[in-house]
Amino acid sequence: MKQSWRQQAACRGLDPAIFYPASDDDDDSDVAKDVCAVCTVREACLEFALAVREKQGIWGGATERDRRRIVRQRRRAS
């Protein structure tokens, strides 16, 4: 899977720990979500995480719980 979007990611060079909070709690993920909110490749990042069923971290502004919900919604819609 082509991942050239990573080169333009707003998180590039930041401490990865920001994107792997101790819990799915909104307060713990706010910093990561703020970075994602201004990222130009947010959608590509999220789609990558959904495609590989990423189980940890904040990807494309979505927690694991958010991504599970998106997958369920897409299954229902298809």
PDB file of N, CA and C in Angstrom:
ATOM      1  N   MET A   1       0.852  -1.183   0.000  1.00  0.00           N
ATOM      2  CA  MET A   1       0.000   0.000   0.000  1.00  0.00           C
ATOM      3  C   MET A   1       0.897   1.245   0.000  1.00  0.00           C
ATOM      4  N   LYS A   2       0.652   2.122  -0.931  1.00  0.00           N
ATOM      5  CA  LYS A   2       1.451   3.340  -1.039  1.00  0.00           C
ATOM      6  C   LYS A   2       1.184   4.256   0.157  1.00  0.00           C
ATOM      7  N   GLN A   3       2.262   4.728   0.773  1.00  0.00           N
ATOM      8  CA  GLN A   3       2.115   5.540   1.976  1.00  0.00           C
ATOM      9  C   GLN A   3       2.842   6.877   1.863  1.00  0.00           C
ATOM     10  N   SER A   4       2.886   7.447   0.680  1.00  0.00           N
ATOM     11  CA  SER A   4       3.586   8.719   0.499  1.00  0.00           C
ATOM     12  C   SER A   4       2.949   9.848   1.306  1.00  0.00           C
ATOM     13  N   TRP A   5       1.709   9.674   1.693  1.00  0.00           N
ATOM     14  CA  TRP A   5       1.025  10.684   2.507  1.00  0.00           C
ATOM     15  C   TRP A   5       1.768  10.932   3.813  1.00  0.00           C
ATOM     16  N   ARG A   6       2.493   9.941   4.292  1.00  0.00           N
ATOM     17  CA  ARG A   6       3.214  10.079   5.565  1.00  0.00           C
ATOM     18  C   ARG A   6       4.238  11.218   5.522  1.00  0.00           C
ATOM     19  N   GLN A   7       4.772  11.482   4.363  1.00  0.00           N
ATOM     20  CA  GLN A   7       5.775  12.545   4.239  1.00  0.00           C
ATOM     21  C   GLN A   7       5.176  13.928   4.519  1.00  0.00           C
ATOM     22  N   GLN A   8       3.864  14.089   4.304  1.00  0.00           N
ATOM     23  CA  GLN A   8       3.204  15.375   4.531  1.00  0.00           C
ATOM     24  C   GLN A   8       2.417  15.435   5.831  1.00  0.00           C
ATOM     25  N   ALA A   9       2.490  14.383   6.620  1.00  0.00           N
ATOM     26  CA  ALA A   9       1.694  14.304   7.846  1.00  0.00           C
ATOM     27  C   ALA A   9       2.120  15.354   8.871  1.00  0.00           C
ATOM     28  N   ALA A  10       1.147  15.986   9.493  1.00  0.00           N
ATOM     29  CA  ALA A  10       1.406  17.013  10.513  1.00  0.00           C
ATOM     30  C   ALA A  10       2.114  16.421  11.728  1.00  0.00           C
ATOM     31  N   CYS A  11       1.981  15.126  11.933  1.00  0.00           N
ATOM     32  CA  CYS A  11       2.592  14.473  13.097  1.00  0.00           C
ATOM     33  C   CYS A  11       4.060  14.104  12.859  1.00  0.00           C
ATOM     34  N   ARG A  12       4.492  14.230  11.645  1.00  0.00           N
ATOM     35  CA  ARG A  12       5.869  13.829  11.327  1.00  0.00           C
ATOM     36  C   ARG A  12       6.853  14.613  12.201  1.00  0.00           C
ATOM     37  N   GLY A  13       7.695  13.883  12.891  1.00  0.00           N
ATOM     38  CA  GLY A  13       8.698  14.501  13.745  1.00  0.00           C
ATOM     39  C   GLY A  13       8.247  14.746  15.174  1.00  0.00           C
ATOM     40  N   LEU A  14       6.967  14.566  15.444  1.00  0.00           N
ATOM     41  CA  LEU A  14       6.472  14.736  16.811  1.00  0.00           C
ATOM     42  C   LEU A  14       6.686  13.455  17.611  1.00  0.00           C
ATOM     43  N   ASP A  15       6.617  13.566  18.902  1.00  0.00           N
ATOM     44  CA  ASP A  15       6.758  12.412  19.791  1.00  0.00           C
ATOM     45  C   ASP A  15       5.596  11.444  19.540  1.00  0.00           C
ATOM     46  N   PRO A  16       5.881  10.219  19.107  1.00  0.00           N
ATOM     47  CA  PRO A  16       4.807   9.266  18.835  1.00  0.00           C
ATOM     48  C   PRO A  16       3.920   8.983  20.054  1.00  0.00           C
ATOM     49  N   ALA A  17       4.440   9.155  21.249  1.00  0.00           N
ATOM     50  CA  ALA A  17       3.660   8.887  22.457  1.00  0.00           C
ATOM     51  C   ALA A  17       2.380   9.727  22.501  1.00  0.00           C
ATOM     52  N   ILE A  18       2.402  10.886  21.868  1.00  0.00           N
ATOM     53  CA  ILE A  18       1.209  11.745  21.812  1.00  0.00           C
ATOM     54  C   ILE A  18       0.043  10.990  21.190  1.00  0.00           C
ATOM     55  N   PHE A  19       0.346  10.130  20.227  1.00  0.00           N
ATOM     56  CA  PHE A  19      -0.683   9.446  19.454  1.00  0.00           C
ATOM     57  C   PHE A  19      -1.053   8.071  20.011  1.00  0.00           C
ATOM     58  N   TYR A  20      -0.456   7.728  21.144  1.00  0.00           N
ATOM     59  CA  TYR A  20      -0.749   6.466  21.817  1.00  0.00           C
ATOM     60  C   TYR A  20      -1.051   6.738  23.280  1.00  0.00           C
ATOM     61  N   PRO A  21      -2.180   7.416  23.541  1.00  0.00           N
ATOM     62  CA  PRO A  21      -2.532   7.753  24.925  1.00  0.00           C
ATOM     63  C   PRO A  21      -2.832   6.510  25.753  1.00  0.00           C
ATOM     64  N   ALA A  22      -2.756   6.672  27.049  1.00  0.00           N
ATOM     65  CA  ALA A  22      -2.971   5.558  27.980  1.00  0.00           C
ATOM     66  C   ALA A  22      -4.386   4.986  27.874  1.00  0.00           C
ATOM     67  N   SER A  23      -5.352   5.815  27.484  1.00  0.00           N
ATOM     68  CA  SER A  23      -6.729   5.340  27.360  1.00  0.00           C
ATOM     69  C   SER A  23      -7.395   6.011  26.167  1.00  0.00           C
ATOM     70  N   ASP A  24      -8.591   5.532  25.845  1.00  0.00           N
ATOM     71  CA  ASP A  24      -9.385   6.119  24.759  1.00  0.00           C
ATOM     72  C   ASP A  24     -10.120   7.371  25.239  1.00  0.00           C
ATOM     73  N   ASP A  25      -9.884   7.750  26.479  1.00  0.00           N
ATOM     74  CA  ASP A  25     -10.516   8.921  27.075  1.00  0.00           C
ATOM     75  C   ASP A  25     -10.251  10.148  26.199  1.00  0.00           C
ATOM     76  N   ASP A  26     -11.276  10.933  25.952  1.00  0.00           N
ATOM     77  CA  ASP A  26     -11.131  12.110  25.098  1.00  0.00           C
ATOM     78  C   ASP A  26     -10.046  13.059  25.580  1.00  0.00           C
ATOM     79  N   ASP A  27      -9.932  13.232  26.901  1.00  0.00           N
ATOM     80  CA  ASP A  27      -8.915  14.143  27.429  1.00  0.00           C
ATOM     81  C   ASP A  27      -7.507  13.667  27.074  1.00  0.00           C
ATOM     82  N   ASP A  28      -7.293  12.361  27.098  1.00  0.00           N
ATOM     83  CA  ASP A  28      -5.977  11.809  26.776  1.00  0.00           C
ATOM     84  C   ASP A  28      -5.649  11.922  25.292  1.00  0.00           C
ATOM     85  N   SER A  29      -6.659  11.958  24.446  1.00  0.00           N
ATOM     86  CA  SER A  29      -6.418  11.983  23.009  1.00  0.00           C
ATOM     87  C   SER A  29      -6.546  13.373  22.385  1.00  0.00           C
ATOM     88  N   ASP A  30      -6.871  14.376  23.182  1.00  0.00           N
ATOM     89  CA  ASP A  30      -7.094  15.719  22.648  1.00  0.00           C
ATOM     90  C   ASP A  30      -5.889  16.304  21.915  1.00  0.00           C
ATOM     91  N   VAL A  31      -4.689  16.138  22.448  1.00  0.00           N
ATOM     92  CA  VAL A  31      -3.499  16.701  21.806  1.00  0.00           C
ATOM     93  C   VAL A  31      -3.322  16.092  20.419  1.00  0.00           C
ATOM     94  N   ALA A  32      -3.427  14.771  20.338  1.00  0.00           N
ATOM     95  CA  ALA A  32      -3.280  14.096  19.048  1.00  0.00           C
ATOM     96  C   ALA A  32      -4.372  14.536  18.079  1.00  0.00           C
ATOM     97  N   LYS A  33      -5.594  14.604  18.556  1.00  0.00           N
ATOM     98  CA  LYS A  33      -6.704  14.996  17.682  1.00  0.00           C
ATOM     99  C   LYS A  33      -6.545  16.433  17.194  1.00  0.00           C
ATOM    100  N   ASP A  34      -5.965  17.297  18.015  1.00  0.00           N
ATOM    101  CA  ASP A  34      -5.707  18.676  17.596  1.00  0.00           C
ATOM    102  C   ASP A  34      -4.695  18.719  16.455  1.00  0.00           C
ATOM    103  N   VAL A  35      -3.662  17.875  16.536  1.00  0.00           N
ATOM    104  CA  VAL A  35      -2.672  17.804  15.455  1.00  0.00           C
ATOM    105  C   VAL A  35      -3.350  17.293  14.188  1.00  0.00           C
ATOM    106  N   CYS A  36      -4.134  16.249  14.313  1.00  0.00           N
ATOM    107  CA  CYS A  36      -4.821  15.659  13.164  1.00  0.00           C
ATOM    108  C   CYS A  36      -5.806  16.637  12.522  1.00  0.00           C
ATOM    109  N   ALA A  37      -6.420  17.470  13.333  1.00  0.00           N
ATOM    110  CA  ALA A  37      -7.439  18.392  12.833  1.00  0.00           C
ATOM    111  C   ALA A  37      -6.896  19.356  11.782  1.00  0.00           C
ATOM    112  N   VAL A  38      -5.614  19.658  11.847  1.00  0.00           N
ATOM    113  CA  VAL A  38      -5.023  20.597  10.884  1.00  0.00           C
ATOM    114  C   VAL A  38      -4.163  19.899   9.833  1.00  0.00           C
ATOM    115  N   CYS A  39      -4.188  18.582   9.830  1.00  0.00           N
ATOM    116  CA  CYS A  39      -3.340  17.805   8.927  1.00  0.00           C
ATOM    117  C   CYS A  39      -3.981  17.683   7.544  1.00  0.00           C
ATOM    118  N   THR A  40      -3.170  17.914   6.518  1.00  0.00           N
ATOM    119  CA  THR A  40      -3.670  17.856   5.141  1.00  0.00           C
ATOM    120  C   THR A  40      -3.865  16.424   4.642  1.00  0.00           C
ATOM    121  N   VAL A  41      -3.301  15.440   5.328  1.00  0.00           N
ATOM    122  CA  VAL A  41      -3.425  14.047   4.890  1.00  0.00           C
ATOM    123  C   VAL A  41      -4.220  13.205   5.900  1.00  0.00           C
ATOM    124  N   ARG A  42      -5.042  13.875   6.661  1.00  0.00           N
ATOM    125  CA  ARG A  42      -5.827  13.194   7.699  1.00  0.00           C
ATOM    126  C   ARG A  42      -6.664  12.045   7.132  1.00  0.00           C
ATOM    127  N   GLU A  43      -7.323  12.298   6.026  1.00  0.00           N
ATOM    128  CA  GLU A  43      -8.192  11.281   5.439  1.00  0.00           C
ATOM    129  C   GLU A  43      -7.396  10.054   4.992  1.00  0.00           C
ATOM    130  N   ALA A  44      -6.260  10.264   4.352  1.00  0.00           N
ATOM    131  CA  ALA A  44      -5.425   9.145   3.911  1.00  0.00           C
ATOM    132  C   ALA A  44      -4.925   8.341   5.106  1.00  0.00           C
ATOM    133  N   CYS A  45      -4.568   9.022   6.167  1.00  0.00           N
ATOM    134  CA  CYS A  45      -4.101   8.379   7.394  1.00  0.00           C
ATOM    135  C   CYS A  45      -5.208   7.512   7.991  1.00  0.00           C
ATOM    136  N   LEU A  46      -6.392   8.067   8.081  1.00  0.00           N
ATOM    137  CA  LEU A  46      -7.522   7.325   8.633  1.00  0.00           C
ATOM    138  C   LEU A  46      -7.844   6.115   7.763  1.00  0.00           C
ATOM    139  N   GLU A  47      -7.867   6.296   6.455  1.00  0.00           N
ATOM    140  CA  GLU A  47      -8.180   5.183   5.554  1.00  0.00           C
ATOM    141  C   GLU A  47      -7.132   4.080   5.669  1.00  0.00           C
ATOM    142  N   PHE A  48      -5.872   4.458   5.844  1.00  0.00           N
ATOM    143  CA  PHE A  48      -4.818   3.463   6.042  1.00  0.00           C
ATOM    144  C   PHE A  48      -5.101   2.653   7.300  1.00  0.00           C
ATOM    145  N   ALA A  49      -5.388   3.342   8.398  1.00  0.00           N
ATOM    146  CA  ALA A  49      -5.652   2.659   9.666  1.00  0.00           C
ATOM    147  C   ALA A  49      -6.859   1.735   9.567  1.00  0.00           C
ATOM    148  N   LEU A  50      -7.878   2.166   8.847  1.00  0.00           N
ATOM    149  CA  LEU A  50      -9.063   1.324   8.668  1.00  0.00           C
ATOM    150  C   LEU A  50      -8.727   0.103   7.816  1.00  0.00           C
ATOM    151  N   ALA A  51      -7.931   0.297   6.775  1.00  0.00           N
ATOM    152  CA  ALA A  51      -7.583  -0.795   5.861  1.00  0.00           C
ATOM    153  C   ALA A  51      -6.763  -1.883   6.543  1.00  0.00           C
ATOM    154  N   VAL A  52      -5.867  -1.478   7.432  1.00  0.00           N
ATOM    155  CA  VAL A  52      -5.011  -2.472   8.104  1.00  0.00           C
ATOM    156  C   VAL A  52      -5.559  -2.874   9.468  1.00  0.00           C
ATOM    157  N   ARG A  53      -6.734  -2.344   9.811  1.00  0.00           N
ATOM    158  CA  ARG A  53      -7.374  -2.639  11.093  1.00  0.00           C
ATOM    159  C   ARG A  53      -6.457  -2.323  12.263  1.00  0.00           C
ATOM    160  N   GLU A  54      -5.876  -1.136  12.220  1.00  0.00           N
ATOM    161  CA  GLU A  54      -4.970  -0.681  13.278  1.00  0.00           C
ATOM    162  C   GLU A  54      -5.712  -0.703  14.609  1.00  0.00           C
ATOM    163  N   LYS A  55      -5.119  -1.331  15.596  1.00  0.00           N
ATOM    164  CA  LYS A  55      -5.780  -1.512  16.890  1.00  0.00           C
ATOM    165  C   LYS A  55      -5.375  -0.477  17.936  1.00  0.00           C
ATOM    166  N   GLN A  56      -4.298   0.255  17.697  1.00  0.00           N
ATOM    167  CA  GLN A  56      -3.814   1.178  18.721  1.00  0.00           C
ATOM    168  C   GLN A  56      -3.598   2.562  18.136  1.00  0.00           C
ATOM    169  N   GLY A  57      -3.662   3.543  19.006  1.00  0.00           N
ATOM    170  CA  GLY A  57      -3.291   4.897  18.645  1.00  0.00           C
ATOM    171  C   GLY A  57      -4.384   5.719  17.993  1.00  0.00           C
ATOM    172  N   ILE A  58      -4.023   6.977  17.777  1.00  0.00           N
ATOM    173  CA  ILE A  58      -4.889   7.932  17.087  1.00  0.00           C
ATOM    174  C   ILE A  58      -4.393   8.008  15.656  1.00  0.00           C
ATOM    175  N   TRP A  59      -5.262   7.726  14.714  1.00  0.00           N
ATOM    176  CA  TRP A  59      -4.928   7.768  13.290  1.00  0.00           C
ATOM    177  C   TRP A  59      -5.995   8.589  12.597  1.00  0.00           C
ATOM    178  N   GLY A  60      -5.579   9.595  11.849  1.00  0.00           N
ATOM    179  CA  GLY A  60      -6.551  10.415  11.134  1.00  0.00           C
ATOM    180  C   GLY A  60      -7.557  11.072  12.062  1.00  0.00           C
ATOM    181  N   GLY A  61      -7.155  11.309  13.296  1.00  0.00           N
ATOM    182  CA  GLY A  61      -8.034  11.953  14.265  1.00  0.00           C
ATOM    183  C   GLY A  61      -9.020  11.013  14.929  1.00  0.00           C
ATOM    184  N   ALA A  62      -8.855   9.704  14.712  1.00  0.00           N
ATOM    185  CA  ALA A  62      -9.806   8.736  15.259  1.00  0.00           C
ATOM    186  C   ALA A  62      -9.116   7.767  16.221  1.00  0.00           C
ATOM    187  N   THR A  63      -9.766   7.535  17.344  1.00  0.00           N
ATOM    188  CA  THR A  63      -9.288   6.538  18.303  1.00  0.00           C
ATOM    189  C   THR A  63      -9.671   5.149  17.800  1.00  0.00           C
ATOM    190  N   GLU A  64      -9.202   4.128  18.482  1.00  0.00           N
ATOM    191  CA  GLU A  64      -9.588   2.758  18.111  1.00  0.00           C
ATOM    192  C   GLU A  64     -11.111   2.602  18.172  1.00  0.00           C
ATOM    193  N   ARG A  65     -11.709   3.146  19.207  1.00  0.00           N
ATOM    194  CA  ARG A  65     -13.169   3.078  19.347  1.00  0.00           C
ATOM    195  C   ARG A  65     -13.859   3.775  18.170  1.00  0.00           C
ATOM    196  N   ASP A  66     -13.356   4.957  17.793  1.00  0.00           N
ATOM    197  CA  ASP A  66     -13.916   5.681  16.651  1.00  0.00           C
ATOM    198  C   ASP A  66     -13.818   4.852  15.371  1.00  0.00           C
ATOM    199  N   ARG A  67     -12.654   4.229  15.180  1.00  0.00           N
ATOM    200  CA  ARG A  67     -12.450   3.443  13.960  1.00  0.00           C
ATOM    201  C   ARG A  67     -13.360   2.220  13.914  1.00  0.00           C
ATOM    202  N   ARG A  68     -13.568   1.573  15.047  1.00  0.00           N
ATOM    203  CA  ARG A  68     -14.499   0.435  15.081  1.00  0.00           C
ATOM    204  C   ARG A  68     -15.908   0.894  14.693  1.00  0.00           C
ATOM    205  N   ARG A  69     -16.305   2.056  15.195  1.00  0.00           N
ATOM    206  CA  ARG A  69     -17.627   2.596  14.858  1.00  0.00           C
ATOM    207  C   ARG A  69     -17.738   2.882  13.354  1.00  0.00           C
ATOM    208  N   ILE A  70     -16.691   3.461  12.783  1.00  0.00           N
ATOM    209  CA  ILE A  70     -16.691   3.758  11.346  1.00  0.00           C
ATOM    210  C   ILE A  70     -16.835   2.472  10.533  1.00  0.00           C
ATOM    211  N   VAL A  71     -16.094   1.436  10.924  1.00  0.00           N
ATOM    212  CA  VAL A  71     -16.172   0.149  10.213  1.00  0.00           C
ATOM    213  C   VAL A  71     -17.587  -0.411  10.297  1.00  0.00           C
ATOM    214  N   ARG A  72     -18.185  -0.370  11.478  1.00  0.00           N
ATOM    215  CA  ARG A  72     -19.569  -0.865  11.636  1.00  0.00           C
ATOM    216  C   ARG A  72     -20.541  -0.081  10.753  1.00  0.00           C
ATOM    217  N   GLN A  73     -20.413   1.244  10.746  1.00  0.00           N
ATOM    218  CA  GLN A  73     -21.297   2.080   9.958  1.00  0.00           C
ATOM    219  C   GLN A  73     -21.156   1.773   8.462  1.00  0.00           C
ATOM    220  N   ARG A  74     -19.930   1.573   8.025  1.00  0.00           N
ATOM    221  CA  ARG A  74     -19.697   1.270   6.615  1.00  0.00           C
ATOM    222  C   ARG A  74     -20.272  -0.093   6.239  1.00  0.00           C
ATOM    223  N   ARG A  75     -20.176  -1.048   7.139  1.00  0.00           N
ATOM    224  CA  ARG A  75     -20.748  -2.381   6.861  1.00  0.00           C
ATOM    225  C   ARG A  75     -22.267  -2.278   6.705  1.00  0.00           C
ATOM    226  N   ARG A  76     -22.885  -1.512   7.593  1.00  0.00           N
ATOM    227  CA  ARG A  76     -24.344  -1.353   7.538  1.00  0.00           C
ATOM    228  C   ARG A  76     -24.778  -0.667   6.250  1.00  0.00           C
ATOM    229  N   ALA A  77     -23.969   0.293   5.803  1.00  0.00           N
ATOM    230  CA  ALA A  77     -24.328   1.079   4.619  1.00  0.00           C
ATOM    231  C   ALA A  77     -24.142   0.299   3.313  1.00  0.00           C
ATOM    232  N   SER A  78     -23.336  -0.755   3.365  1.00  0.00           N
ATOM    233  CA  SER A  78     -23.077  -1.485   2.116  1.00  0.00           C
ATOM    234  C   SER A  78     -24.051  -2.616   1.862  1.00  0.00           C
TER     235      SER A  78
END
